[in-house]
Amino acid sequence: MNLAKALWRQGLSEPDTPAIFFGAQQWATYGQWATRSASLAKNLLDAGLKAGDRVMIFMGNHPRYLEILWGCWWAGLVVVPVNAKLHPEEAAWIASDSGARWVFVNGEGSHDDLGSLRNAERLLDISHDETAALFEPEHALSGLPPPAESAHDALAWLFYTSGTTGRPKGVILTTRNLMTVGMTYCVDVDSVSRHDAMLYAAPMSHGCGIYAIPHLMAGARHVVPKSGGVNAQEMFELGRELGAVTTFAAPTIVKRLVDYCAHMGLSHDEVAASFKTIVYGGAPMYLADIKKALAIMGPRFVQIYGQGESPMTATVLSKYHIANTQHPRYLQRLASVGVAQTPVLVRVVDAANRFLPPGEIGEVMVRGDPVMLGYWNQPEATANTLVDGWLKTGDLGCLSEDGFLTLKERSKDVIISGGTNIYPREVEEVLLTHPGLAEVSVLGAPDPEWGEIVVACVVPSPGYTLTAEELDAHCLAHIARFKRPKKYIFKETLPKNNYGKVLKTQLSQELREAQAAKQPPSAN
């Protein structure tokens, strides 16, 4: 079953229905969207691409993103969506590892800044006329080839998520995975009708883009803000102009929306005129923050928990559960990530993968049709993560007697800043290429806006005078801006155990104590 079949159906049966908006301006009807994606598919195949080939999308949010996604699927190709905030060299590594033949970008001007990506078989900038021509139809939709035949377990979306080693891993998501996620949204997360509108403010390369699938299935509208990102005023205005929208937001985005509401003094009715539903996830939401959000914006929130390996689909805390303030365990539920979504099983296990009773903390495991097929070209990592069909999430949590999952902490050292995963070792390895740095340990520190920020504890090389500005410039030359440390703590030594391993737990404790005292940590 090809994911593009839903677009083909909508394009033939409802050709004049508004589909894609760029800001408040209509970009395409369903007929135009389907015809453009079908034309792109034909041109891709005519140029020599074959079913199963990978096509990378290294773009910020744009209406073309949707046309490219469904054009690739229409042709039976695999999309490799890459966070537009990544450094071009990081994106080039993903292109190489995935074997992506073509790369779509939305650069503004010269490709000189794209580094090794220029070595791709074909680099297509959507701002150029020759790329736009790929979407121009030579025939009506009925005269273009239908979507290619596709098996349920055919690779459709190759999503790269960094591992604790710092090297990204390609998560193999199949047609079945994405179809299940799409249909489950309508069952467990929120109802969708053709009158609804999905607003893409968070990156379309991640979960926000996956939520295009259920909204297309329902024939709803798709709205890309002109800013291409998160602007609270713009988001509220688009909702008022187009009708209450749905959006996916990391907790840091929710905070911006809440702060804007509070600043503008908006009533619940005024908020309801802009937002139907706000699905939040991707990072922990503190209880105090969701309570404040509900008080200021009203009951329009749904929480989901998932990860790249089971995208958007592990548990859900529904509008009903969030609004049911009379339940005797309301606050306990509000602090949880909800109950298992319909197509999955969720369990908590000990180190030997044995079921743990309610209330006991262990590793969260997930099983069901949304779970990935495995990691791209990494059989060992796949075997370590998929055990008897169960996905080992690496997250620690506990289940209540009534099935609500509460996450306690992550078993990996991942830092989640603004809903985006940042892996310390990746940053450490870049910093250690600086000649003036002897040792470094990167960790996360709590932050009221971002959830966590990246902090680097550094030991300069003997006789070398090192500055935070110098290290910052070094990071910017090698990794994405959002991964670089927001704070550097200069130390004479790093604490280590008897085996020479840096004691990050001790560093974290020192950092918390220093923050509490509002004084810099000791240099020793």
Protein backbone atom coordinates (compact mmCIF):
# COMPACT_ATOMS: atom_id res chain seq x y z
CA MET A 1 0.00 0.00 0.00
CA ASN A 2 1.62 3.24 -1.16
CA LEU A 3 1.30 6.22 1.17
CA ALA A 4 0.59 8.36 -1.90
CA LYS A 5 -2.67 6.50 -2.56
CA ALA A 6 -4.49 8.80 -0.13
CA LEU A 7 -3.31 11.87 -2.05
CA TRP A 8 -4.26 10.25 -5.37
CA ARG A 9 -7.75 9.57 -4.00
CA GLN A 10 -8.18 13.10 -2.68
CA GLY A 11 -6.83 14.65 -5.87
CA LEU A 12 -9.26 12.72 -8.08
CA SER A 13 -12.36 12.95 -5.88
CA GLU A 14 -11.92 16.41 -4.34
CA PRO A 15 -9.71 18.34 -6.77
CA ASP A 16 -10.97 21.80 -5.80
CA THR A 17 -10.72 21.32 -2.03
CA PRO A 18 -8.15 23.69 -0.46
CA ALA A 19 -5.12 21.66 0.64
CA ILE A 20 -1.91 23.63 1.26
CA PHE A 21 -1.52 27.18 2.54
CA PHE A 22 1.61 29.32 2.73
CA GLY A 23 0.71 31.64 5.52
CA ALA A 24 -2.93 32.59 4.96
CA GLN A 25 -2.56 32.33 1.18
CA GLN A 26 -3.69 29.20 -0.62
CA TRP A 27 -0.76 27.39 -2.26
CA ALA A 28 -2.55 24.36 -3.71
CA THR A 29 -5.84 22.52 -3.89
CA TYR A 30 -5.82 18.75 -3.46
CA GLY A 31 -5.98 18.40 -7.21
CA GLN A 32 -2.95 20.67 -7.67
CA TRP A 33 -1.00 18.96 -4.88
CA ALA A 34 -1.64 15.52 -6.31
CA THR A 35 -0.80 16.62 -9.85
CA ARG A 36 2.46 18.29 -8.77
CA SER A 37 3.56 15.27 -6.69
CA ALA A 38 2.65 12.88 -9.50
CA SER A 39 4.57 15.04 -12.00
CA LEU A 40 7.59 15.12 -9.69
CA ALA A 41 7.40 11.33 -9.34
CA LYS A 42 7.37 10.88 -13.11
CA ASN A 43 10.32 13.25 -13.56
CA LEU A 44 12.32 11.51 -10.82
CA LEU A 45 11.80 8.12 -12.44
CA ASP A 46 12.45 9.46 -15.94
CA ALA A 47 15.78 10.85 -14.66
CA GLY A 48 16.91 7.37 -13.64
CA LEU A 49 15.87 7.00 -10.01
CA LYS A 50 14.43 3.61 -9.15
CA ALA A 51 12.00 2.37 -6.51
CA GLY A 52 13.82 2.07 -3.19
CA ASP A 53 16.37 4.80 -3.99
CA ARG A 54 16.83 7.41 -1.29
CA VAL A 55 16.10 11.12 -1.71
CA MET A 56 17.23 13.50 1.05
CA ILE A 57 15.24 16.58 2.04
CA PHE A 58 17.54 19.09 3.75
CA MET A 59 15.03 21.91 3.99
CA GLY A 60 13.27 24.17 6.42
CA ASN A 61 9.48 24.16 6.46
CA HIS A 62 7.97 25.06 3.08
CA PRO A 63 4.88 24.03 1.07
CA ARG A 64 7.16 22.22 -1.37
CA TYR A 65 8.14 19.89 1.50
CA LEU A 66 4.72 18.23 1.29
CA GLU A 67 4.86 17.99 -2.51
CA ILE A 68 8.33 16.41 -2.35
CA LEU A 69 7.36 13.91 0.36
CA TRP A 70 4.37 12.60 -1.53
CA GLY A 71 6.14 12.86 -4.89
CA CYS A 72 8.89 10.56 -3.61
CA TRP A 73 6.39 8.10 -2.17
CA TRP A 74 4.35 8.26 -5.39
CA ALA A 75 7.48 7.07 -7.23
CA GLY A 76 8.22 4.35 -4.66
CA LEU A 77 11.27 6.21 -3.37
CA VAL A 78 12.52 6.58 0.20
CA VAL A 79 12.64 10.01 1.86
CA VAL A 80 15.52 10.92 4.15
CA PRO A 81 14.31 13.99 6.08
CA VAL A 82 17.13 15.93 7.72
CA ASN A 83 16.88 18.68 10.30
CA ALA A 84 17.59 21.96 8.50
CA LYS A 85 19.51 23.17 11.57
CA LEU A 86 22.26 20.59 11.07
CA HIS A 87 25.66 21.69 9.82
CA PRO A 88 26.03 20.90 6.08
CA GLU A 89 28.89 18.50 6.88
CA GLU A 90 26.62 16.59 9.26
CA ALA A 91 23.96 16.44 6.56
CA ALA A 92 26.59 15.28 4.04
CA TRP A 93 27.49 12.37 6.33
CA ILE A 94 23.82 11.33 6.45
CA ALA A 95 23.58 11.62 2.66
CA SER A 96 26.60 9.36 2.31
CA ASP A 97 25.48 6.80 4.89
CA SER A 98 21.96 6.57 3.47
CA GLY A 99 23.18 6.47 -0.11
CA ALA A 100 20.86 9.34 -1.02
CA ARG A 101 21.12 10.02 -4.76
CA TRP A 102 19.31 13.34 -4.89
CA VAL A 103 19.15 16.10 -2.28
CA PHE A 104 16.50 18.84 -2.09
CA VAL A 105 17.45 22.11 -0.37
CA ASN A 106 15.83 25.51 -0.05
CA GLY A 107 18.93 27.67 0.07
CA GLU A 108 18.86 31.34 -0.75
CA GLY A 109 21.66 31.96 -3.20
CA SER A 110 24.99 30.19 -3.63
CA HIS A 111 25.55 26.52 -2.82
CA ASP A 112 29.07 27.31 -1.63
CA ASP A 113 27.87 27.09 1.98
CA LEU A 114 26.61 23.52 1.52
CA GLY A 115 30.06 21.96 1.74
CA SER A 116 30.29 18.30 0.72
CA LEU A 117 26.58 18.17 -0.11
CA ARG A 118 27.56 19.71 -3.43
CA ASN A 119 29.02 16.30 -4.29
CA ALA A 120 25.57 14.70 -4.37
CA GLU A 121 24.55 13.12 -7.66
CA ARG A 122 22.04 15.94 -7.98
CA LEU A 123 21.46 18.91 -5.69
CA LEU A 124 18.13 20.64 -6.25
CA ASP A 125 17.30 24.04 -4.82
CA ILE A 126 13.53 24.62 -4.74
CA SER A 127 14.11 28.36 -5.21
CA HIS A 128 15.52 27.73 -8.71
CA ASP A 129 13.37 27.65 -11.84
CA GLU A 130 14.80 24.34 -13.10
CA THR A 131 13.70 22.64 -9.87
CA ALA A 132 10.25 24.23 -9.99
CA ALA A 133 9.85 22.79 -13.49
CA LEU A 134 9.93 19.27 -12.03
CA PHE A 135 6.57 19.94 -10.41
CA GLU A 136 4.91 21.38 -13.52
CA PRO A 137 2.46 18.86 -15.02
CA GLU A 138 2.46 17.91 -18.69
CA HIS A 139 -0.86 16.12 -18.23
CA ALA A 140 -3.91 16.22 -16.00
CA LEU A 141 -3.82 14.01 -12.90
CA SER A 142 -5.91 11.34 -14.64
CA GLY A 143 -3.28 11.15 -17.38
CA LEU A 144 -0.31 10.70 -15.03
CA PRO A 145 0.90 7.33 -13.69
CA PRO A 146 -0.78 6.25 -10.43
CA PRO A 147 1.29 5.69 -7.31
CA ALA A 148 3.78 2.85 -7.60
CA GLU A 149 2.99 -0.49 -6.03
CA SER A 150 4.54 -0.67 -2.57
CA ALA A 151 4.76 -3.51 -0.05
CA HIS A 152 3.64 -2.89 3.53
CA ASP A 153 7.18 -3.45 4.78
CA ALA A 154 8.84 -1.33 2.11
CA LEU A 155 11.14 1.37 3.49
CA ALA A 156 9.43 4.77 3.20
CA TRP A 157 11.01 7.17 5.73
CA LEU A 158 14.67 6.87 6.81
CA PHE A 159 14.97 9.04 9.89
CA TYR A 160 18.40 9.70 11.37
CA THR A 161 18.56 9.95 15.14
CA SER A 162 21.90 10.27 16.90
CA GLY A 163 23.04 7.48 19.19
CA THR A 164 25.01 7.65 22.39
CA THR A 165 28.18 7.06 20.39
CA GLY A 166 27.57 10.36 18.63
CA ARG A 167 27.12 8.75 15.19
CA PRO A 168 23.59 9.09 13.76
CA LYS A 169 21.59 5.93 13.18
CA GLY A 170 19.09 5.60 10.34
CA VAL A 171 15.71 4.44 11.66
CA ILE A 172 13.95 2.28 9.06
CA LEU A 173 10.28 3.24 8.98
CA THR A 174 8.07 1.32 6.58
CA THR A 175 4.80 2.02 4.84
CA ARG A 176 3.08 -0.08 7.51
CA ASN A 177 4.71 1.96 10.30
CA LEU A 178 3.58 5.29 8.86
CA MET A 179 0.10 4.08 7.88
CA THR A 180 -0.40 2.85 11.44
CA VAL A 181 0.80 6.15 12.92
CA GLY A 182 -1.60 8.03 10.64
CA MET A 183 -4.66 5.98 11.48
CA THR A 184 -3.81 5.80 15.18
CA TYR A 185 -3.72 9.59 15.38
CA CYS A 186 -7.39 9.71 14.45
CA VAL A 187 -8.27 7.02 17.00
CA ASP A 188 -6.18 8.02 20.01
CA VAL A 189 -4.87 11.56 19.64
CA ASP A 190 -7.51 13.73 18.00
CA SER A 191 -10.39 13.56 15.57
CA VAL A 192 -9.72 15.06 12.13
CA SER A 193 -12.14 16.37 9.51
CA ARG A 194 -11.73 18.13 6.17
CA HIS A 195 -12.50 21.41 7.95
CA ASP A 196 -9.42 21.11 10.16
CA ALA A 197 -5.98 22.63 9.52
CA MET A 198 -2.56 21.31 10.58
CA LEU A 199 -0.05 24.09 11.26
CA TYR A 200 3.62 23.18 10.68
CA ALA A 201 5.69 25.41 12.95
CA ALA A 202 7.92 22.66 14.40
CA PRO A 203 10.34 21.03 11.92
CA MET A 204 8.60 18.97 9.23
CA SER A 205 11.67 16.70 9.18
CA HIS A 206 10.51 15.27 12.50
CA GLY A 207 7.20 14.26 14.07
CA CYS A 208 5.37 17.38 12.97
CA GLY A 209 5.83 16.30 9.36
CA ILE A 210 4.58 12.79 10.09
CA TYR A 211 1.32 14.32 11.31
CA ALA A 212 0.70 15.44 7.72
CA ILE A 213 -0.29 11.81 7.04
CA PRO A 214 -3.51 11.66 9.14
CA HIS A 215 -4.51 15.16 8.06
CA LEU A 216 -4.12 14.23 4.39
CA MET A 217 -6.07 11.02 4.97
CA ALA A 218 -8.96 13.16 6.24
CA GLY A 219 -8.67 15.76 3.47
CA ALA A 220 -7.81 18.51 5.94
CA ARG A 221 -5.81 21.65 5.22
CA HIS A 222 -2.04 22.00 5.71
CA VAL A 223 -0.60 25.36 6.75
CA VAL A 224 3.07 26.35 6.59
CA PRO A 225 3.77 29.70 8.29
CA LYS A 226 5.57 32.27 6.14
CA SER A 227 8.29 32.47 8.82
CA GLY A 228 8.90 28.73 8.40
CA GLY A 229 9.11 28.28 12.15
CA VAL A 230 7.77 29.23 15.55
CA ASN A 231 6.38 32.72 15.94
CA ALA A 232 3.61 32.86 18.52
CA GLN A 233 1.93 35.96 17.11
CA GLU A 234 1.98 34.52 13.60
CA MET A 235 0.53 31.21 14.80
CA PHE A 236 -2.35 32.91 16.61
CA GLU A 237 -3.07 35.14 13.63
CA LEU A 238 -3.13 32.22 11.20
CA GLY A 239 -5.63 30.42 13.40
CA ARG A 240 -7.90 33.46 13.47
CA GLU A 241 -7.68 33.87 9.69
CA LEU A 242 -8.03 30.22 8.63
CA GLY A 243 -10.02 28.76 11.50
CA ALA A 244 -8.74 27.11 14.66
CA VAL A 245 -5.63 25.08 13.81
CA THR A 246 -3.94 21.98 15.20
CA THR A 247 -0.21 21.94 15.79
CA PHE A 248 2.50 19.76 17.27
CA ALA A 249 4.74 21.49 19.78
CA ALA A 250 7.69 20.63 21.95
CA PRO A 251 7.27 21.97 25.50
CA THR A 252 9.47 24.96 24.67
CA ILE A 253 7.00 25.96 21.92
CA VAL A 254 4.08 25.51 24.31
CA LYS A 255 5.84 27.86 26.72
CA ARG A 256 6.16 30.53 24.03
CA LEU A 257 2.48 30.26 23.20
CA VAL A 258 1.52 30.45 26.87
CA ASP A 259 3.77 33.47 27.44
CA TYR A 260 2.27 35.22 24.41
CA CYS A 261 -1.27 34.52 25.70
CA ALA A 262 -0.40 35.87 29.12
CA HIS A 263 1.27 38.96 27.66
CA MET A 264 -1.72 39.69 25.39
CA GLY A 265 -4.27 38.89 28.09
CA LEU A 266 -6.19 36.51 25.79
CA SER A 267 -9.28 34.77 27.11
CA HIS A 268 -9.96 31.05 26.63
CA ASP A 269 -12.50 31.92 23.94
CA GLU A 270 -9.91 34.00 22.09
CA VAL A 271 -7.43 31.13 22.30
CA ALA A 272 -10.10 28.72 21.03
CA ALA A 273 -10.55 30.93 17.97
CA SER A 274 -6.91 30.22 17.02
CA PHE A 275 -6.23 26.69 18.27
CA LYS A 276 -8.31 23.54 18.16
CA THR A 277 -5.63 21.19 19.49
CA ILE A 278 -2.03 21.45 20.62
CA VAL A 279 -0.29 18.07 20.71
CA TYR A 280 2.84 18.27 22.84
CA GLY A 281 5.74 15.86 23.22
CA GLY A 282 9.35 15.32 22.25
CA ALA A 283 10.67 16.29 25.68
CA PRO A 284 9.52 16.19 29.31
CA MET A 285 6.74 18.62 30.22
CA TYR A 286 6.98 19.69 33.84
CA LEU A 287 3.76 19.46 35.84
CA ALA A 288 3.87 23.15 36.76
CA ASP A 289 4.19 24.09 33.09
CA ILE A 290 1.19 22.10 31.85
CA LYS A 291 -0.91 23.36 34.76
CA LYS A 292 -0.02 26.93 33.77
CA ALA A 293 -0.73 26.19 30.11
CA LEU A 294 -4.18 24.81 30.95
CA ALA A 295 -4.98 27.78 33.17
CA ILE A 296 -4.01 30.31 30.49
CA MET A 297 -4.97 28.55 27.23
CA GLY A 298 -7.72 26.16 28.33
CA PRO A 299 -8.30 22.44 27.67
CA ARG A 300 -6.93 22.05 24.16
CA PHE A 301 -3.84 19.96 24.91
CA VAL A 302 -2.95 16.32 24.16
CA GLN A 303 0.35 14.74 25.21
CA ILE A 304 2.03 11.98 23.23
CA TYR A 305 5.12 9.94 23.99
CA GLY A 306 7.15 8.15 21.34
CA GLN A 307 10.58 8.31 19.77
CA GLY A 308 12.07 8.07 16.30
CA GLU A 309 12.02 4.28 16.55
CA SER A 310 8.25 4.31 17.23
CA PRO A 311 7.29 7.73 15.90
CA MET A 312 4.68 9.64 17.88
CA THR A 313 3.13 6.35 18.95
CA ALA A 314 3.77 4.83 22.36
CA THR A 315 1.42 6.50 24.84
CA VAL A 316 -1.12 9.31 24.84
CA LEU A 317 -2.60 11.56 27.52
CA SER A 318 -5.89 12.58 25.95
CA LYS A 319 -7.89 15.79 26.21
CA TYR A 320 -10.35 13.86 28.36
CA HIS A 321 -7.69 12.78 30.84
CA ILE A 322 -6.14 16.25 30.94
CA ALA A 323 -9.53 17.92 31.50
CA ASN A 324 -10.83 15.40 34.07
CA THR A 325 -9.82 17.45 37.11
CA GLN A 326 -12.24 15.57 39.37
CA HIS A 327 -10.37 12.28 39.10
CA PRO A 328 -8.79 11.38 42.47
CA ARG A 329 -5.40 10.80 40.80
CA TYR A 330 -5.67 13.77 38.44
CA LEU A 331 -2.30 15.32 39.23
CA GLN A 332 -0.57 11.94 39.03
CA ARG A 333 -2.09 11.41 35.60
CA LEU A 334 -1.27 14.94 34.47
CA ALA A 335 2.39 14.30 35.37
CA SER A 336 2.38 11.08 33.33
CA VAL A 337 2.65 10.54 29.56
CA GLY A 338 -0.66 8.68 29.47
CA VAL A 339 -1.71 5.19 28.44
CA ALA A 340 -0.60 2.92 25.62
CA GLN A 341 -1.91 3.93 22.21
CA THR A 342 -4.20 1.45 20.46
CA PRO A 343 -1.69 -0.41 18.21
CA VAL A 344 1.07 -0.91 20.78
CA LEU A 345 1.87 -2.70 24.00
CA VAL A 346 3.91 -0.87 26.63
CA ARG A 347 5.71 -2.56 29.47
CA VAL A 348 8.37 -1.75 32.07
CA VAL A 349 11.14 -4.29 32.62
CA ASP A 350 14.19 -4.91 34.75
CA ALA A 351 17.74 -5.48 33.49
CA ALA A 352 16.80 -9.05 32.50
CA ASN A 353 13.76 -7.85 30.52
CA ARG A 354 11.35 -9.28 33.09
CA PHE A 355 8.01 -7.53 33.62
CA LEU A 356 7.93 -5.22 36.61
CA PRO A 357 4.77 -4.71 38.69
CA PRO A 358 3.02 -1.31 38.84
CA GLY A 359 4.99 1.35 40.66
CA GLU A 360 8.43 -0.16 40.07
CA ILE A 361 10.88 1.75 37.89
CA GLY A 362 12.54 0.07 34.95
CA GLU A 363 13.18 0.46 31.24
CA VAL A 364 10.19 1.24 29.04
CA MET A 365 9.63 -1.17 26.14
CA VAL A 366 7.17 -0.86 23.26
CA ARG A 367 5.83 -3.40 20.77
CA GLY A 368 3.48 -3.00 17.81
CA ASP A 369 3.11 -1.99 14.16
CA PRO A 370 4.55 1.53 14.59
CA VAL A 371 7.90 0.14 15.81
CA MET A 372 10.76 0.45 13.31
CA LEU A 373 12.04 -2.41 11.20
CA GLY A 374 15.57 -1.71 12.47
CA TYR A 375 18.56 0.57 11.98
CA TRP A 376 20.01 1.19 8.52
CA ASN A 377 23.12 -0.95 7.99
CA GLN A 378 23.55 -1.45 11.76
CA PRO A 379 22.59 -5.05 12.59
CA GLU A 380 24.31 -5.00 15.98
CA ALA A 381 22.51 -1.84 17.10
CA THR A 382 19.26 -3.32 15.80
CA ALA A 383 19.78 -6.53 17.76
CA ASN A 384 20.53 -4.57 20.93
CA THR A 385 17.44 -2.37 20.56
CA LEU A 386 14.83 -4.82 19.24
CA VAL A 387 14.47 -7.81 21.57
CA ASP A 388 11.85 -10.42 20.67
CA GLY A 389 9.93 -7.75 18.80
CA TRP A 390 10.09 -5.29 21.69
CA LEU A 391 11.72 -1.87 21.33
CA LYS A 392 14.06 -0.98 24.19
CA THR A 393 13.49 2.77 24.49
CA GLY A 394 16.36 3.57 26.85
CA ASP A 395 13.89 5.55 28.99
CA LEU A 396 13.18 4.74 32.61
CA GLY A 397 9.66 4.88 33.98
CA CYS A 398 6.91 3.12 35.87
CA LEU A 399 3.33 2.11 35.17
CA SER A 400 0.45 2.81 37.52
CA GLU A 401 -2.14 0.19 38.32
CA ASP A 402 -4.51 1.86 35.85
CA GLY A 403 -1.97 1.80 33.01
CA PHE A 404 -0.55 5.33 33.04
CA LEU A 405 3.16 5.59 32.28
CA THR A 406 5.30 8.08 34.17
CA LEU A 407 8.81 8.72 32.90
CA LYS A 408 11.46 9.17 35.56
CA GLU A 409 14.69 9.81 33.71
CA ARG A 410 16.61 8.75 30.64
CA SER A 411 19.05 5.90 30.90
CA LYS A 412 21.19 7.49 28.20
CA ASP A 413 23.02 10.77 28.50
CA VAL A 414 20.93 12.47 25.85
CA ILE A 415 20.22 16.17 26.39
CA ILE A 416 16.80 17.35 25.18
CA SER A 417 16.88 21.06 24.43
CA GLY A 418 13.77 22.60 22.91
CA GLY A 419 12.48 19.15 21.99
CA THR A 420 15.64 18.25 20.05
CA ASN A 421 18.01 15.47 21.10
CA ILE A 422 21.65 16.46 21.62
CA TYR A 423 24.20 13.79 22.44
CA PRO A 424 27.13 14.82 24.67
CA ARG A 425 29.77 12.61 23.10
CA GLU A 426 29.18 14.13 19.67
CA VAL A 427 29.83 17.61 21.10
CA GLU A 428 32.77 16.37 23.17
CA GLU A 429 34.45 14.84 20.13
CA VAL A 430 34.23 18.14 18.25
CA LEU A 431 35.53 20.16 21.18
CA LEU A 432 38.45 17.79 21.68
CA THR A 433 39.70 18.55 18.17
CA HIS A 434 40.61 22.02 19.45
CA PRO A 435 44.36 22.09 20.19
CA GLY A 436 43.88 24.16 23.33
CA LEU A 437 41.58 21.67 25.03
CA ALA A 438 42.85 18.80 27.17
CA GLU A 439 39.62 17.35 28.57
CA VAL A 440 35.91 17.98 28.32
CA SER A 441 32.68 16.61 29.67
CA VAL A 442 29.35 17.77 28.23
CA LEU A 443 26.11 17.53 30.19
CA GLY A 444 22.67 19.06 30.35
CA ALA A 445 21.54 21.69 32.83
CA PRO A 446 17.90 22.54 33.59
CA ASP A 447 16.63 25.64 31.83
CA PRO A 448 13.17 27.22 32.23
CA GLU A 449 12.76 27.99 28.52
CA TRP A 450 14.54 25.14 26.70
CA GLY A 451 14.05 22.35 29.22
CA GLU A 452 17.81 21.77 29.19
CA ILE A 453 20.83 23.61 27.85
CA VAL A 454 24.21 22.19 26.88
CA VAL A 455 27.02 22.86 29.35
CA ALA A 456 30.66 21.95 28.74
CA CYS A 457 33.10 21.44 31.60
CA VAL A 458 36.50 22.00 30.01
CA VAL A 459 40.15 21.64 31.03
CA PRO A 460 42.55 23.75 28.91
CA SER A 461 45.82 22.31 27.66
CA PRO A 462 48.85 23.30 29.79
CA GLY A 463 50.05 26.77 28.97
CA TYR A 464 47.07 27.51 26.71
CA THR A 465 44.79 30.45 27.43
CA LEU A 466 41.34 29.35 26.29
CA THR A 467 38.17 31.45 26.01
CA ALA A 468 34.51 30.56 25.66
CA GLU A 469 34.34 32.66 22.49
CA GLU A 470 37.13 30.62 20.90
CA LEU A 471 35.43 27.34 21.73
CA ASP A 472 32.09 28.65 20.49
CA ALA A 473 33.60 29.58 17.14
CA HIS A 474 35.20 26.14 16.91
CA CYS A 475 31.86 24.43 17.48
CA LEU A 476 30.08 26.61 14.93
CA ALA A 477 32.60 25.53 12.31
CA HIS A 478 31.84 21.84 12.79
CA ILE A 479 28.38 21.21 14.25
CA ALA A 480 24.90 22.71 14.18
CA ARG A 481 24.42 25.90 16.16
CA PHE A 482 21.78 24.37 18.43
CA LYS A 483 24.22 21.66 19.59
CA ARG A 484 26.94 23.97 20.78
CA PRO A 485 27.31 24.56 24.54
CA LYS A 486 25.46 27.56 25.91
CA LYS A 487 27.85 27.69 28.84
CA TYR A 488 31.50 26.74 29.47
CA ILE A 489 32.87 25.96 32.90
CA PHE A 490 36.66 26.06 33.06
CA LYS A 491 38.23 23.58 35.47
CA GLU A 492 41.71 22.43 36.41
CA THR A 493 40.69 18.75 36.44
CA LEU A 494 37.64 16.59 35.87
CA PRO A 495 36.52 14.15 38.59
CA LYS A 496 37.16 10.52 37.65
CA ASN A 497 36.66 7.08 39.14
CA ASN A 498 39.38 4.45 39.64
CA TYR A 499 39.09 3.40 36.02
CA GLY A 500 39.67 6.92 34.71
CA LYS A 501 36.06 7.48 33.66
CA VAL A 502 34.76 11.01 34.13
CA LEU A 503 32.11 11.17 36.85
CA LYS A 504 29.32 13.04 35.09
CA THR A 505 26.99 12.48 38.00
CA GLN A 506 29.37 14.42 40.25
CA LEU A 507 29.67 17.21 37.68
CA SER A 508 25.89 17.39 37.40
CA GLN A 509 25.56 17.58 41.18
CA GLU A 510 28.15 20.38 41.34
CA LEU A 511 26.29 22.24 38.61
CA ARG A 512 22.95 21.93 40.39
CA GLU A 513 24.47 23.11 43.67
CA ALA A 514 26.14 26.04 41.90
CA GLN A 515 22.89 27.02 40.23
CA ALA A 516 21.10 26.85 43.55
CA ALA A 517 23.73 29.10 45.12
CA LYS A 518 23.98 31.19 41.93
CA GLN A 519 27.75 30.88 42.07
CA PRO A 520 30.22 29.23 39.68
CA PRO A 521 31.31 25.68 40.55
CA SER A 522 34.66 25.03 42.10
CA ALA A 523 37.61 24.83 39.70
CA ASN A 524 38.78 21.61 41.37
